[in-house]
Amino acid sequence: MDKAGRVFLIGPMGAGKSTIGRQLAELLHKDFLDSDHEIERRTGVSVSLIFEIEGEEGFRRRESAVLEELTGRDNVVLATGGGAVLAEPNRALLKKRGIVVYLQAPIDALVARTHRDRSRPLLREGERRVKFEEIMRVREPLYLSTADVVAVTDHRAPPIVAHEVAAKIRSWKGDENATS
């Protein structure tokens, strides 16, 4: 299996996985997929409603099933949900089947990018900055240990990040982590 034929984007909500992913897919001549959008398409309801009805655990089960299928497709750039890395089987699947790119952003940027978004279940209650700090305390080590490539999105324009990631992927050999 050619891992380079599959690129999986990981990172927290607001890191730019969907925005950069679409541009990256175009640059690499791949199809773009978004696991959260695929879950919504299949269920006919929003991720928020799934969280309300089934809780986070129910959503994570659905997410794992969709990842199992989508990571098997060739010639794709897949934006995963921010919490996809929480399950060890998901992390193993991503690492085995493709090149994993961690889109890393500071908490200030994540708060700013999501400040108007009311659709994210994990950010609905409490102070947003505190929620991101809690989320990243758990997820940052998982993102870093899963990633083959790390790209800092910070305050850089998505096309610049997409071009940088595309260049790293084109030169990726799989023998060590490439970081920026």
Protein backbone atom coordinates (compact mmCIF):
# COMPACT_ATOMS: atom_id res chain seq x y z
CA MET A 1 0.00 0.00 0.00
CA ASP A 2 1.31 3.44 -0.93
CA LYS A 3 0.98 5.65 2.14
CA ALA A 4 1.73 8.72 0.03
CA GLY A 5 -1.56 8.18 -1.80
CA ARG A 6 -3.39 9.07 1.41
CA VAL A 7 -2.93 12.18 3.51
CA PHE A 8 -4.71 12.47 6.84
CA LEU A 9 -4.99 15.83 8.60
CA ILE A 10 -5.21 15.86 12.38
CA GLY A 11 -5.41 18.73 14.83
CA PRO A 12 -7.85 20.60 17.04
CA MET A 13 -11.00 22.33 15.85
CA GLY A 14 -10.00 25.63 14.31
CA ALA A 15 -6.55 24.47 13.18
CA GLY A 16 -7.60 24.66 9.51
CA LYS A 17 -8.05 21.00 8.60
CA SER A 18 -11.00 21.60 6.26
CA THR A 19 -9.79 24.88 4.74
CA ILE A 20 -6.18 23.79 4.24
CA GLY A 21 -7.28 20.26 3.36
CA ARG A 22 -9.32 21.41 0.36
CA GLN A 23 -6.40 23.45 -0.95
CA LEU A 24 -3.92 20.66 -0.26
CA ALA A 25 -6.10 18.15 -2.11
CA GLU A 26 -6.16 20.44 -5.12
CA LEU A 27 -2.37 20.90 -5.05
CA LEU A 28 -1.79 17.13 -4.78
CA HIS A 29 -4.55 16.22 -7.28
CA LYS A 30 -6.43 14.18 -4.68
CA ASP A 31 -10.03 14.01 -3.54
CA PHE A 32 -10.89 15.90 -0.37
CA LEU A 33 -12.91 14.20 2.37
CA ASP A 34 -13.99 15.43 5.80
CA SER A 35 -14.90 12.75 8.33
CA ASP A 36 -17.33 14.95 10.26
CA HIS A 37 -19.13 15.97 7.07
CA GLU A 38 -19.30 12.32 6.03
CA ILE A 39 -20.86 11.37 9.38
CA GLU A 40 -23.43 14.16 8.95
CA ARG A 41 -24.17 13.07 5.37
CA ARG A 42 -24.72 9.46 6.42
CA THR A 43 -26.84 10.18 9.46
CA GLY A 44 -28.72 13.17 8.09
CA VAL A 45 -28.08 15.12 11.31
CA SER A 46 -25.39 17.43 12.66
CA VAL A 47 -22.46 16.32 14.79
CA SER A 48 -23.95 18.51 17.54
CA LEU A 49 -27.21 16.56 17.49
CA ILE A 50 -25.35 13.24 17.58
CA PHE A 51 -23.51 14.51 20.68
CA GLU A 52 -26.83 15.52 22.26
CA ILE A 53 -28.55 12.20 21.56
CA GLU A 54 -25.71 9.68 21.84
CA GLY A 55 -23.10 11.59 23.84
CA GLU A 56 -19.45 11.86 22.94
CA GLU A 57 -19.01 8.09 23.26
CA GLY A 58 -21.70 7.42 20.64
CA PHE A 59 -20.20 9.96 18.30
CA ARG A 60 -16.70 8.49 18.73
CA ARG A 61 -18.00 5.03 17.78
CA ARG A 62 -19.46 6.47 14.57
CA GLU A 63 -16.25 8.39 13.93
CA SER A 64 -14.11 5.24 14.25
CA ALA A 65 -16.34 3.34 11.82
CA VAL A 66 -16.17 6.14 9.24
CA LEU A 67 -12.38 6.44 9.65
CA GLU A 68 -11.99 2.70 9.07
CA GLU A 69 -13.69 3.12 5.70
CA LEU A 70 -12.36 6.52 4.57
CA THR A 71 -8.71 5.75 5.40
CA GLY A 72 -8.94 2.79 3.01
CA ARG A 73 -9.68 5.00 0.02
CA ASP A 74 -6.85 5.87 -2.33
CA ASN A 75 -5.81 9.28 -3.59
CA VAL A 76 -7.41 11.29 -0.76
CA VAL A 77 -6.75 14.10 1.64
CA LEU A 78 -8.89 13.41 4.71
CA ALA A 79 -9.66 16.00 7.37
CA THR A 80 -10.37 14.09 10.57
CA GLY A 81 -12.36 15.31 13.53
CA GLY A 82 -10.30 16.98 16.24
CA GLY A 83 -10.88 14.11 18.68
CA ALA A 84 -10.19 11.26 16.27
CA VAL A 85 -6.78 10.73 17.91
CA LEU A 86 -8.33 9.98 21.29
CA ALA A 87 -8.86 6.32 20.37
CA GLU A 88 -5.64 4.31 20.03
CA PRO A 89 -7.07 2.16 17.21
CA ASN A 90 -7.76 5.35 15.21
CA ARG A 91 -4.19 6.56 15.73
CA ALA A 92 -2.80 3.20 14.61
CA LEU A 93 -5.07 3.16 11.56
CA LEU A 94 -4.04 6.66 10.49
CA LYS A 95 -0.31 5.91 10.90
CA LYS A 96 -0.57 2.61 9.04
CA ARG A 97 -2.61 3.80 6.08
CA GLY A 98 -1.28 7.23 5.17
CA ILE A 99 0.89 10.24 5.83
CA VAL A 100 -0.42 11.99 8.93
CA VAL A 101 -0.13 15.77 9.04
CA TYR A 102 -0.68 17.59 12.31
CA LEU A 103 -1.93 21.14 11.74
CA GLN A 104 -0.73 22.85 14.89
CA ALA A 105 -2.00 26.24 16.06
CA PRO A 106 -1.60 28.18 19.30
CA ILE A 107 -4.60 28.40 21.59
CA ASP A 108 -5.01 32.13 20.86
CA ALA A 109 -5.50 31.33 17.17
CA LEU A 110 -7.92 28.48 17.92
CA VAL A 111 -10.04 30.71 20.16
CA ALA A 112 -10.09 33.48 17.55
CA ARG A 113 -10.98 31.14 14.68
CA THR A 114 -13.87 29.50 16.54
CA HIS A 115 -15.25 32.49 18.47
CA ARG A 116 -18.42 32.78 16.35
CA ASP A 117 -18.96 29.06 15.87
CA ARG A 118 -21.78 27.75 18.07
CA SER A 119 -21.95 24.32 16.40
CA ARG A 120 -19.03 22.72 18.24
CA PRO A 121 -20.36 20.56 21.10
CA LEU A 122 -17.17 20.61 23.16
CA LEU A 123 -17.06 24.42 23.16
CA ARG A 124 -20.69 25.11 24.09
CA GLU A 125 -20.23 25.47 27.84
CA GLY A 126 -17.58 27.25 29.82
CA GLU A 127 -14.92 29.72 28.80
CA ARG A 128 -13.55 28.86 25.37
CA ARG A 129 -9.87 29.43 26.19
CA VAL A 130 -10.10 27.16 29.25
CA LYS A 131 -11.84 24.46 27.17
CA PHE A 132 -9.08 24.61 24.54
CA GLU A 133 -6.41 24.41 27.23
CA GLU A 134 -8.09 21.29 28.66
CA ILE A 135 -8.51 19.73 25.22
CA MET A 136 -4.92 20.42 24.17
CA ARG A 137 -3.45 19.14 27.43
CA VAL A 138 -4.84 15.72 26.51
CA ARG A 139 -4.58 15.81 22.72
CA GLU A 140 -1.27 17.58 21.97
CA PRO A 141 0.89 14.56 22.89
CA LEU A 142 -1.41 12.33 20.81
CA TYR A 143 -1.24 14.63 17.79
CA LEU A 144 2.55 14.80 17.99
CA SER A 145 3.04 11.05 18.44
CA THR A 146 0.73 10.26 15.52
CA ALA A 147 2.06 12.82 13.03
CA ASP A 148 4.58 12.20 10.28
CA VAL A 149 4.58 15.92 9.45
CA VAL A 150 3.83 18.93 11.64
CA ALA A 151 2.82 22.24 10.08
CA VAL A 152 2.20 25.32 12.19
CA THR A 153 -0.84 27.20 10.90
CA ASP A 154 -0.67 30.11 13.37
CA HIS A 155 -1.41 33.39 11.56
CA ARG A 156 -0.31 32.21 8.14
CA ALA A 157 -2.64 32.18 5.15
CA PRO A 158 -4.10 28.74 4.34
CA PRO A 159 -2.65 28.66 0.78
CA ILE A 160 0.86 29.19 2.17
CA VAL A 161 0.42 26.36 4.67
CA ALA A 162 -1.08 24.10 1.98
CA HIS A 163 1.88 24.70 -0.34
CA GLU A 164 4.34 24.03 2.49
CA VAL A 165 2.59 20.79 3.45
CA ALA A 166 2.38 19.69 -0.20
CA ALA A 167 6.15 20.18 -0.56
CA LYS A 168 6.79 18.16 2.62
CA ILE A 169 4.52 15.37 1.44
CA ARG A 170 6.16 15.24 -2.00
CA SER A 171 9.56 14.83 -0.36
CA TRP A 172 8.38 12.57 2.48
CA LYS A 173 10.29 9.32 2.79
CA GLY A 174 8.80 7.96 5.99
CA ASP A 175 12.07 7.64 7.85
CA GLU A 176 11.64 10.55 10.27
CA ASN A 177 9.22 13.25 11.30
CA ALA A 178 9.30 16.41 9.22
CA THR A 179 8.43 19.52 11.16
CA SER A 180 8.24 23.23 10.59
